[in-house]
Amino acid sequence: MIDLKLLQKDFEAVSKKLMRKGVDEKLLEKVKIKFEELKAAKVAFETLQAAQNAMSKEFGVYKREGKDISELKAKVDENKIRVADAIEIQRLRQEELETLAMAIPNIPDDNVPDGEDENDNIELKRILTPKEFSFTPKEHWELAEQNGWIDFERGAKLSGSRFSVSYDMGAKLERALINFMLNFNEKRGFHEVSVPHMVNRVALEGTGQLPKFENDLYKIEGQEMFLIPTAEVPLTNLFQDEILPSDKLPYKMTGYTSCYRKEAGAAGRDTRGMIRQHQFHKVELVVISKPEESEAIFDEMVSCASDILTALELPHRLVNLCTGDLGFGAAHTTDIEVWLPGQNQYREISSISNTRDFQARRAKIRYKNGKKNEFVNTLNGSSLAVGRTLVAIMENNQNEDGSIDIPEVLKPYLGM
């Protein structure tokens, strides 16, 4: 949740920043009205409370002087009801304001470039040079089926479109990649955590998937439980509603989970292959940090994910996302895009985001800063999407006969 005190204090300036991210001006106007309604409710309560205090003092004087208190007592009792009503109105106005605020995305950092969509993102750097093939490289679904690694038809038979089944070396490579990534991240100081694949509504509200993106989530019928869209949700919410000791920060975590997404907004996109599936494996990085440390940690996370691709000898590039492509909870994001020769383009394989204190406010994650309790910063990023990494290995390491070379760093994980 955005800082409502900051929004109220400097409404025009903060609103301009939010509108850079596409926030509807009408929503902001509604928030402004709610600020005024809440302010009026507070004034009404304070006025009634002041009257109550004054009558209580007068009540004491009447009793000491032996005066008739019946009329004053009736006024006091009547005002008590008004005070209780005023408290309830104030609570309702606060609740209405916070409900509106839950639909407002994070404020983009000033250095995030303006833009409408992914076409306006800015390339920052390229790592490794794509290989030149003496033949026309195939796309990964052709290679997967030719080598007997992945079966899309039987995946669809079991579960519908955007599901697949992995066999033999395809399945072994997925497992090898997961272990390789977790070990790589652990060497960089991230502690491995195994988390549930189902979470409650509060957890998804905390990281910002709810209420806005409920249509993208798989809900467990008859329960307020959801399959996770990413390990970011349970890893971040481990510290939900806690005050963390300053000397324990940062908490640097990595975890592997399957991820489950309806891909409701992706109709017609990447319908073939493994780029966009309803269930996929991913290794995640999540960090809970002090605000002053988060930017350096962000750079560290980008380097960690990028270095995994370098170790796998996969060409990739770093991209700074523009305001129109920035996620709901992100203050700024660097995407890592891997080169896919079969598609002749770079495709996203990781997003590293700093959410500042946006998720911390929603999930109530604070730390002890001297005598004060302050909100932490939270960061998250893929390190990496396993299926897309496998896609990149297949396309970049293919031979003319359709066979696929195994990256050297994965051979020990495969007993080769």
Protein backbone atom coordinates (compact mmCIF):
# COMPACT_ATOMS: atom_id res chain seq x y z
CA MET A 1 0.00 0.00 0.00
CA ILE A 2 1.23 3.47 -0.78
CA ASP A 3 2.00 5.83 2.10
CA LEU A 4 -1.37 7.53 2.64
CA LYS A 5 0.18 10.20 4.86
CA LEU A 6 2.58 11.10 2.05
CA LEU A 7 -0.28 11.17 -0.47
CA GLN A 8 -2.38 13.41 1.77
CA LYS A 9 0.54 15.71 2.58
CA ASP A 10 1.59 16.25 -1.05
CA PHE A 11 -1.45 15.08 -3.01
CA GLU A 12 -0.72 16.82 -6.32
CA ALA A 13 2.94 15.75 -6.58
CA VAL A 14 2.29 12.12 -5.60
CA SER A 15 -0.75 11.94 -7.91
CA LYS A 16 1.40 13.05 -10.86
CA LYS A 17 3.85 10.23 -10.12
CA LEU A 18 1.03 7.69 -9.90
CA MET A 19 -0.50 8.89 -13.16
CA ARG A 20 2.87 8.19 -14.82
CA LYS A 21 2.03 4.56 -14.04
CA GLY A 22 -1.44 4.84 -15.56
CA VAL A 23 -3.49 5.37 -12.40
CA ASP A 24 -6.94 6.73 -13.26
CA GLU A 25 -7.36 10.34 -12.15
CA LYS A 26 -10.94 9.52 -11.10
CA LEU A 27 -9.64 6.99 -8.57
CA LEU A 28 -7.32 9.59 -7.11
CA GLU A 29 -10.20 12.06 -6.88
CA LYS A 30 -12.20 9.46 -4.94
CA VAL A 31 -9.25 9.07 -2.56
CA LYS A 32 -9.09 12.85 -2.12
CA ILE A 33 -12.81 12.93 -1.22
CA LYS A 34 -12.26 10.11 1.30
CA PHE A 35 -9.43 12.08 2.89
CA GLU A 36 -11.85 14.97 3.43
CA GLU A 37 -14.60 12.69 4.74
CA LEU A 38 -12.17 11.07 7.18
CA LYS A 39 -10.92 14.47 8.32
CA ALA A 40 -14.52 15.63 8.93
CA ALA A 41 -15.27 12.42 10.86
CA LYS A 42 -12.21 13.00 13.08
CA VAL A 43 -13.22 16.61 13.77
CA ALA A 44 -16.76 15.50 14.64
CA PHE A 45 -15.42 12.87 17.03
CA GLU A 46 -12.94 15.27 18.66
CA THR A 47 -15.69 17.87 19.15
CA LEU A 48 -18.00 15.36 20.81
CA GLN A 49 -15.14 13.96 22.90
CA ALA A 50 -14.21 17.45 24.09
CA ALA A 51 -17.84 18.03 25.08
CA GLN A 52 -17.86 14.70 26.90
CA ASN A 53 -14.72 15.62 28.85
CA ALA A 54 -16.17 19.00 29.77
CA MET A 55 -19.44 17.47 30.99
CA SER A 56 -17.55 14.82 32.95
CA LYS A 57 -15.69 17.56 34.83
CA GLU A 58 -18.94 19.41 35.39
CA PHE A 59 -20.50 16.16 36.61
CA GLY A 60 -17.84 15.89 39.28
CA VAL A 61 -18.44 19.47 40.42
CA TYR A 62 -22.21 18.86 40.64
CA LYS A 63 -21.67 15.80 42.82
CA ARG A 64 -19.28 17.62 45.18
CA GLU A 65 -21.68 20.55 45.52
CA GLY A 66 -24.69 18.31 45.99
CA LYS A 67 -26.53 19.63 42.93
CA ASP A 68 -29.16 17.70 40.99
CA ILE A 69 -27.27 15.67 38.37
CA SER A 70 -30.19 14.04 36.60
CA GLU A 71 -30.39 16.51 33.70
CA LEU A 72 -26.61 16.58 33.25
CA LYS A 73 -26.43 12.78 33.47
CA ALA A 74 -28.98 12.50 30.67
CA LYS A 75 -26.85 14.82 28.52
CA VAL A 76 -23.72 12.82 29.30
CA ASP A 77 -25.43 9.52 28.43
CA GLU A 78 -26.82 10.98 25.21
CA ASN A 79 -23.40 12.34 24.23
CA LYS A 80 -21.80 8.95 24.92
CA ILE A 81 -24.02 7.45 22.23
CA ARG A 82 -22.99 10.23 19.83
CA VAL A 83 -19.31 9.62 20.63
CA ALA A 84 -19.72 5.89 19.97
CA ASP A 85 -21.47 6.65 16.66
CA ALA A 86 -18.69 9.11 15.74
CA ILE A 87 -16.04 6.47 16.45
CA GLU A 88 -17.84 3.99 14.18
CA ILE A 89 -18.19 6.58 11.39
CA GLN A 90 -14.47 7.38 11.69
CA ARG A 91 -13.65 3.67 11.50
CA LEU A 92 -15.82 3.23 8.42
CA ARG A 93 -14.23 6.23 6.67
CA GLN A 94 -10.75 4.87 7.43
CA GLU A 95 -11.76 1.45 6.11
CA GLU A 96 -13.21 3.00 2.92
CA LEU A 97 -10.01 4.96 2.37
CA GLU A 98 -7.81 1.89 2.84
CA THR A 99 -10.02 -0.18 0.51
CA LEU A 100 -9.53 2.42 -2.23
CA ALA A 101 -5.81 2.57 -1.48
CA MET A 102 -5.48 -1.21 -2.01
CA ALA A 103 -6.27 -0.61 -5.69
CA ILE A 104 -3.52 2.00 -6.10
CA PRO A 105 -0.15 0.68 -7.36
CA ASN A 106 3.25 1.55 -5.99
CA ILE A 107 4.77 4.93 -6.77
CA PRO A 108 7.41 4.55 -9.51
CA ASP A 109 10.92 5.73 -8.73
CA ASP A 110 11.92 8.98 -10.40
CA ASN A 111 14.52 7.20 -12.57
CA VAL A 112 11.92 4.88 -14.14
CA PRO A 113 11.54 5.95 -17.80
CA ASP A 114 8.12 7.03 -19.05
CA GLY A 115 6.47 4.71 -21.55
CA GLU A 116 3.28 2.90 -22.52
CA ASP A 117 4.39 -0.73 -22.83
CA GLU A 118 7.34 -3.12 -23.27
CA ASN A 119 8.31 -1.38 -26.51
CA ASP A 120 9.38 1.64 -24.45
CA ASN A 121 11.68 -0.29 -22.10
CA ILE A 122 15.35 0.69 -22.17
CA GLU A 123 18.14 -1.80 -22.76
CA LEU A 124 20.91 -1.40 -20.19
CA LYS A 125 23.46 -4.04 -21.11
CA ARG A 126 24.08 -7.19 -23.18
CA ILE A 127 25.98 -10.16 -21.79
CA LEU A 128 27.53 -12.77 -24.12
CA THR A 129 27.20 -12.76 -27.89
CA PRO A 130 24.56 -14.96 -29.52
CA LYS A 131 25.95 -17.92 -31.45
CA GLU A 132 25.81 -17.87 -35.24
CA PHE A 133 24.28 -21.03 -36.69
CA SER A 134 25.16 -22.53 -40.07
CA PHE A 135 21.55 -23.74 -40.28
CA THR A 136 18.14 -22.33 -39.42
CA PRO A 137 17.70 -22.96 -35.69
CA LYS A 138 14.53 -24.69 -34.58
CA GLU A 139 12.16 -23.49 -31.90
CA HIS A 140 12.13 -25.29 -28.60
CA TRP A 141 8.86 -27.20 -29.06
CA GLU A 142 10.24 -28.88 -32.18
CA LEU A 143 13.45 -29.81 -30.38
CA ALA A 144 11.58 -30.99 -27.28
CA GLU A 145 9.34 -33.31 -29.24
CA GLN A 146 12.15 -34.52 -31.52
CA ASN A 147 14.30 -35.49 -28.53
CA GLY A 148 11.40 -36.94 -26.53
CA TRP A 149 11.96 -34.47 -23.69
CA ILE A 150 8.55 -32.81 -23.47
CA ASP A 151 5.07 -33.95 -24.47
CA PHE A 152 2.59 -31.12 -24.95
CA GLU A 153 -0.20 -33.31 -26.32
CA ARG A 154 -0.38 -35.58 -23.27
CA GLY A 155 -0.06 -32.56 -20.96
CA ALA A 156 -3.17 -31.13 -22.63
CA LYS A 157 -4.92 -34.50 -22.34
CA LEU A 158 -4.31 -34.54 -18.59
CA SER A 159 -4.99 -30.91 -17.72
CA GLY A 160 -5.87 -28.83 -20.79
CA SER A 161 -3.92 -26.28 -22.80
CA ARG A 162 -0.72 -24.71 -21.43
CA PHE A 163 0.34 -27.85 -19.55
CA SER A 164 3.10 -30.29 -20.48
CA VAL A 165 4.78 -33.51 -19.39
CA SER A 166 8.58 -33.87 -19.18
CA TYR A 167 10.41 -37.15 -19.83
CA ASP A 168 13.90 -38.53 -19.31
CA MET A 169 16.54 -35.87 -20.02
CA GLY A 170 13.87 -33.12 -20.11
CA ALA A 171 12.72 -34.02 -16.60
CA LYS A 172 16.29 -34.55 -15.36
CA LEU A 173 17.40 -31.17 -16.72
CA GLU A 174 14.56 -29.43 -14.89
CA ARG A 175 15.66 -31.06 -11.64
CA ALA A 176 19.32 -30.29 -12.38
CA LEU A 177 18.52 -26.63 -13.08
CA ILE A 178 16.59 -26.28 -9.83
CA ASN A 179 19.47 -27.73 -7.80
CA PHE A 180 22.08 -25.72 -9.69
CA MET A 181 20.18 -22.46 -9.17
CA LEU A 182 19.56 -23.08 -5.45
CA ASN A 183 23.22 -23.96 -4.88
CA PHE A 184 24.35 -20.93 -6.88
CA ASN A 185 22.10 -18.61 -4.85
CA GLU A 186 23.21 -20.15 -1.57
CA LYS A 187 26.84 -19.38 -2.45
CA ARG A 188 25.76 -15.75 -2.94
CA GLY A 189 24.40 -15.62 0.60
CA PHE A 190 20.73 -16.51 0.07
CA HIS A 191 19.29 -19.02 2.53
CA GLU A 192 17.15 -21.79 1.09
CA VAL A 193 13.55 -21.92 2.33
CA SER A 194 10.85 -24.45 1.43
CA VAL A 195 7.36 -22.96 1.62
CA PRO A 196 3.71 -24.06 1.09
CA HIS A 197 2.23 -23.85 -2.40
CA MET A 198 -1.12 -22.67 -1.00
CA VAL A 199 -1.66 -19.40 0.87
CA ASN A 200 -4.57 -17.47 2.33
CA ARG A 201 -6.10 -14.21 1.10
CA VAL A 202 -4.19 -12.09 3.61
CA ALA A 203 -0.85 -13.26 2.21
CA LEU A 204 -1.83 -12.36 -1.37
CA GLU A 205 -3.13 -8.97 -0.23
CA GLY A 206 0.19 -8.42 1.50
CA THR A 207 2.26 -8.81 -1.66
CA GLY A 208 -0.28 -7.05 -3.89
CA GLN A 209 -1.79 -9.86 -6.00
CA LEU A 210 -5.16 -9.27 -4.32
CA PRO A 211 -7.59 -7.71 -4.78
CA LYS A 212 -6.55 -6.54 -8.27
CA PHE A 213 -5.41 -9.82 -9.87
CA GLU A 214 -7.85 -12.36 -8.45
CA ASN A 215 -8.85 -13.51 -11.95
CA ASP A 216 -5.26 -14.67 -12.57
CA LEU A 217 -5.20 -16.90 -9.48
CA TYR A 218 -6.35 -20.47 -8.90
CA LYS A 219 -8.67 -20.51 -5.88
CA ILE A 220 -9.31 -23.65 -3.83
CA GLU A 221 -13.04 -24.31 -4.06
CA GLY A 222 -14.88 -23.75 -0.78
CA GLN A 223 -11.87 -22.18 0.96
CA GLU A 224 -10.19 -18.79 1.14
CA MET A 225 -7.00 -20.44 -0.10
CA PHE A 226 -5.13 -19.95 -3.38
CA LEU A 227 -2.35 -21.73 -5.28
CA ILE A 228 0.68 -19.45 -5.31
CA PRO A 229 1.54 -17.53 -8.51
CA THR A 230 5.15 -17.23 -7.30
CA ALA A 231 7.25 -18.07 -4.23
CA GLU A 232 7.49 -14.31 -3.62
CA VAL A 233 4.12 -14.53 -1.85
CA PRO A 234 4.90 -17.07 0.91
CA LEU A 235 8.55 -15.99 1.28
CA THR A 236 7.66 -12.33 1.84
CA ASN A 237 4.72 -13.14 4.09
CA LEU A 238 6.85 -15.26 6.41
CA PHE A 239 7.34 -11.97 8.27
CA GLN A 240 3.77 -10.72 7.99
CA ASP A 241 2.68 -8.59 10.98
CA GLU A 242 6.10 -8.84 12.67
CA ILE A 243 8.62 -6.36 14.05
CA LEU A 244 12.07 -7.61 13.07
CA PRO A 245 15.30 -6.94 14.98
CA SER A 246 17.51 -4.48 13.12
CA ASP A 247 20.66 -6.57 13.52
CA LYS A 248 19.05 -9.54 11.71
CA LEU A 249 18.46 -7.59 8.50
CA PRO A 250 18.73 -8.23 5.65
CA TYR A 251 16.91 -11.57 5.41
CA LYS A 252 18.09 -13.04 2.08
CA MET A 253 16.09 -16.04 0.91
CA THR A 254 15.85 -18.34 -2.08
CA GLY A 255 13.26 -21.00 -2.68
CA TYR A 256 11.97 -23.35 -5.36
CA THR A 257 8.25 -23.82 -5.97
CA SER A 258 5.86 -24.66 -8.72
CA CYS A 259 3.85 -21.60 -9.71
CA TYR A 260 0.22 -21.53 -10.84
CA ARG A 261 -1.30 -18.82 -13.04
CA LYS A 262 -4.46 -18.69 -15.12
CA GLU A 263 -2.74 -16.31 -17.58
CA ALA A 264 -6.13 -14.65 -17.97
CA GLY A 265 -4.62 -11.68 -19.79
CA ALA A 266 -2.49 -13.74 -22.17
CA ALA A 267 -5.12 -15.14 -24.55
CA GLY A 268 -3.53 -15.88 -27.91
CA ARG A 269 0.03 -15.25 -26.69
CA ASP A 270 2.67 -18.00 -26.69
CA THR A 271 0.10 -20.74 -27.16
CA ARG A 272 2.76 -23.23 -28.28
CA GLY A 273 5.56 -24.53 -26.12
CA MET A 274 6.69 -23.71 -22.59
CA ILE A 275 7.01 -19.93 -22.56
CA ARG A 276 3.65 -19.28 -20.92
CA GLN A 277 2.15 -22.17 -18.96
CA HIS A 278 -0.43 -22.48 -16.20
CA GLN A 279 1.99 -24.49 -14.03
CA PHE A 280 5.74 -23.98 -14.10
CA HIS A 281 8.79 -24.26 -11.85
CA LYS A 282 10.71 -21.25 -10.62
CA VAL A 283 13.54 -20.47 -8.23
CA GLU A 284 12.93 -17.17 -6.47
CA LEU A 285 14.99 -14.60 -4.61
CA VAL A 286 13.34 -12.53 -1.85
CA VAL A 287 15.03 -10.05 0.47
CA ILE A 288 13.70 -8.15 3.50
CA SER A 289 15.99 -5.19 4.13
CA LYS A 290 16.45 -1.80 5.72
CA PRO A 291 15.43 1.01 3.35
CA GLU A 292 18.96 2.38 3.01
CA GLU A 293 20.30 -1.05 1.96
CA SER A 294 17.69 -2.02 -0.62
CA GLU A 295 19.21 -0.40 -3.70
CA ALA A 296 22.58 -2.12 -3.25
CA ILE A 297 20.76 -5.41 -2.62
CA PHE A 298 18.71 -4.86 -5.79
CA ASP A 299 21.92 -4.66 -7.84
CA GLU A 300 23.20 -7.78 -6.08
CA MET A 301 20.05 -9.71 -7.02
CA VAL A 302 20.27 -8.64 -10.67
CA SER A 303 23.90 -9.77 -10.77
CA CYS A 304 23.06 -13.11 -9.16
CA ALA A 305 20.36 -13.98 -11.71
CA SER A 306 22.44 -12.71 -14.62
CA ASP A 307 25.49 -14.69 -13.50
CA ILE A 308 23.46 -17.91 -13.53
CA LEU A 309 22.75 -17.36 -17.23
CA THR A 310 26.41 -16.54 -17.83
CA ALA A 311 27.43 -19.78 -16.10
CA LEU A 312 25.02 -21.61 -18.41
CA GLU A 313 26.60 -19.75 -21.37
CA LEU A 314 23.27 -18.22 -22.37
CA PRO A 315 23.36 -14.77 -24.03
CA HIS A 316 21.05 -12.27 -22.34
CA ARG A 317 20.42 -8.61 -21.75
CA LEU A 318 19.29 -6.33 -18.90
CA VAL A 319 16.29 -4.06 -19.50
CA ASN A 320 14.98 -1.16 -17.42
CA LEU A 321 11.18 -1.30 -17.41
CA CYS A 322 9.22 1.84 -18.28
CA THR A 323 6.23 3.09 -16.27
CA GLY A 324 3.72 1.39 -18.59
CA ASP A 325 5.33 -2.05 -18.17
CA LEU A 326 6.10 -1.77 -14.45
CA GLY A 327 4.32 -4.23 -12.17
CA PHE A 328 1.63 -3.20 -9.68
CA GLY A 329 3.84 -3.47 -6.60
CA ALA A 330 7.18 -2.43 -8.10
CA ALA A 331 8.90 0.92 -7.61
CA HIS A 332 11.38 -0.10 -10.28
CA THR A 333 12.28 -3.30 -12.13
CA THR A 334 15.10 -4.70 -14.19
CA ASP A 335 14.10 -7.52 -16.51
CA ILE A 336 16.59 -10.10 -17.71
CA GLU A 337 15.85 -11.34 -21.22
CA VAL A 338 17.52 -14.43 -22.64
CA TRP A 339 18.33 -14.86 -26.33
CA LEU A 340 16.21 -17.48 -28.13
CA PRO A 341 17.68 -18.16 -31.60
CA GLY A 342 14.65 -20.19 -32.68
CA GLN A 343 12.49 -17.10 -32.15
CA ASN A 344 15.30 -14.73 -33.15
CA GLN A 345 14.60 -12.46 -30.19
CA TYR A 346 15.25 -11.85 -26.51
CA ARG A 347 12.51 -13.09 -24.13
CA GLU A 348 11.99 -12.33 -20.46
CA ILE A 349 13.36 -14.95 -18.08
CA SER A 350 13.55 -12.92 -14.86
CA SER A 351 12.17 -9.74 -13.30
CA ILE A 352 13.99 -8.22 -10.32
CA SER A 353 11.90 -5.64 -8.46
CA ASN A 354 12.35 -3.30 -5.52
CA THR A 355 8.94 -2.63 -3.98
CA ARG A 356 10.36 -0.21 -1.37
CA ASP A 357 7.92 -0.22 1.59
CA PHE A 358 4.81 -0.91 -0.53
CA GLN A 359 4.42 -4.60 0.36
CA ALA A 360 5.67 -3.99 3.91
CA ARG A 361 2.80 -1.56 4.55
CA ARG A 362 0.24 -4.04 3.25
CA ALA A 363 1.75 -7.01 5.14
CA LYS A 364 2.69 -4.93 8.21
CA ILE A 365 6.39 -5.90 8.19
CA ARG A 366 8.46 -3.54 10.31
CA TYR A 367 11.84 -3.43 11.99
CA LYS A 368 13.14 -1.87 15.18
CA ASN A 369 15.08 1.26 14.20
CA GLY A 370 16.33 2.52 17.55
CA LYS A 371 13.19 3.28 19.55
CA LYS A 372 10.99 3.54 16.46
CA ASN A 373 9.26 0.82 14.45
CA GLU A 374 9.66 1.49 10.73
CA PHE A 375 8.65 -0.35 7.57
CA VAL A 376 11.21 -2.57 5.85
CA ASN A 377 11.85 -2.67 2.11
CA THR A 378 11.05 -5.89 0.23
CA LEU A 379 12.65 -7.09 -3.00
CA ASN A 380 11.91 -10.09 -5.19
CA GLY A 381 13.07 -11.67 -8.43
CA SER A 382 13.19 -14.87 -10.47
CA SER A 383 16.46 -16.71 -10.33
CA LEU A 384 15.30 -18.22 -12.66
CA ALA A 385 12.14 -19.45 -14.38
CA VAL A 386 13.13 -23.10 -14.88
CA GLY A 387 11.03 -23.84 -17.96
CA ARG A 388 12.24 -20.77 -19.82
CA THR A 389 15.83 -21.61 -18.90
CA LEU A 390 15.34 -25.08 -20.35
CA VAL A 391 13.88 -23.48 -23.48
CA ALA A 392 16.97 -21.29 -23.79
CA ILE A 393 19.31 -24.27 -23.33
CA MET A 394 17.52 -26.23 -26.05
CA GLU A 395 17.52 -23.41 -28.59
CA ASN A 396 21.05 -22.12 -27.94
CA ASN A 397 22.70 -25.56 -27.69
CA GLN A 398 21.02 -27.29 -30.61
CA ASN A 399 22.91 -28.99 -33.39
CA GLU A 400 21.90 -29.33 -37.03
CA ASP A 401 20.67 -32.90 -36.50
CA GLY A 402 18.39 -31.69 -33.68
CA SER A 403 20.50 -33.06 -30.83
CA ILE A 404 21.18 -30.76 -27.86
CA ASP A 405 24.46 -30.22 -26.02
CA ILE A 406 24.31 -30.13 -22.22
CA PRO A 407 25.93 -27.11 -20.47
CA GLU A 408 29.13 -28.09 -18.66
CA VAL A 409 27.99 -26.70 -15.28
CA LEU A 410 24.95 -29.01 -15.29
CA LYS A 411 26.81 -32.25 -16.09
CA PRO A 412 27.76 -32.98 -12.44
CA TYR A 413 24.05 -32.71 -11.52
CA LEU A 414 23.25 -35.29 -14.21
CA GLY A 415 25.97 -37.76 -13.30
CA MET A 416 27.79 -37.06 -16.58
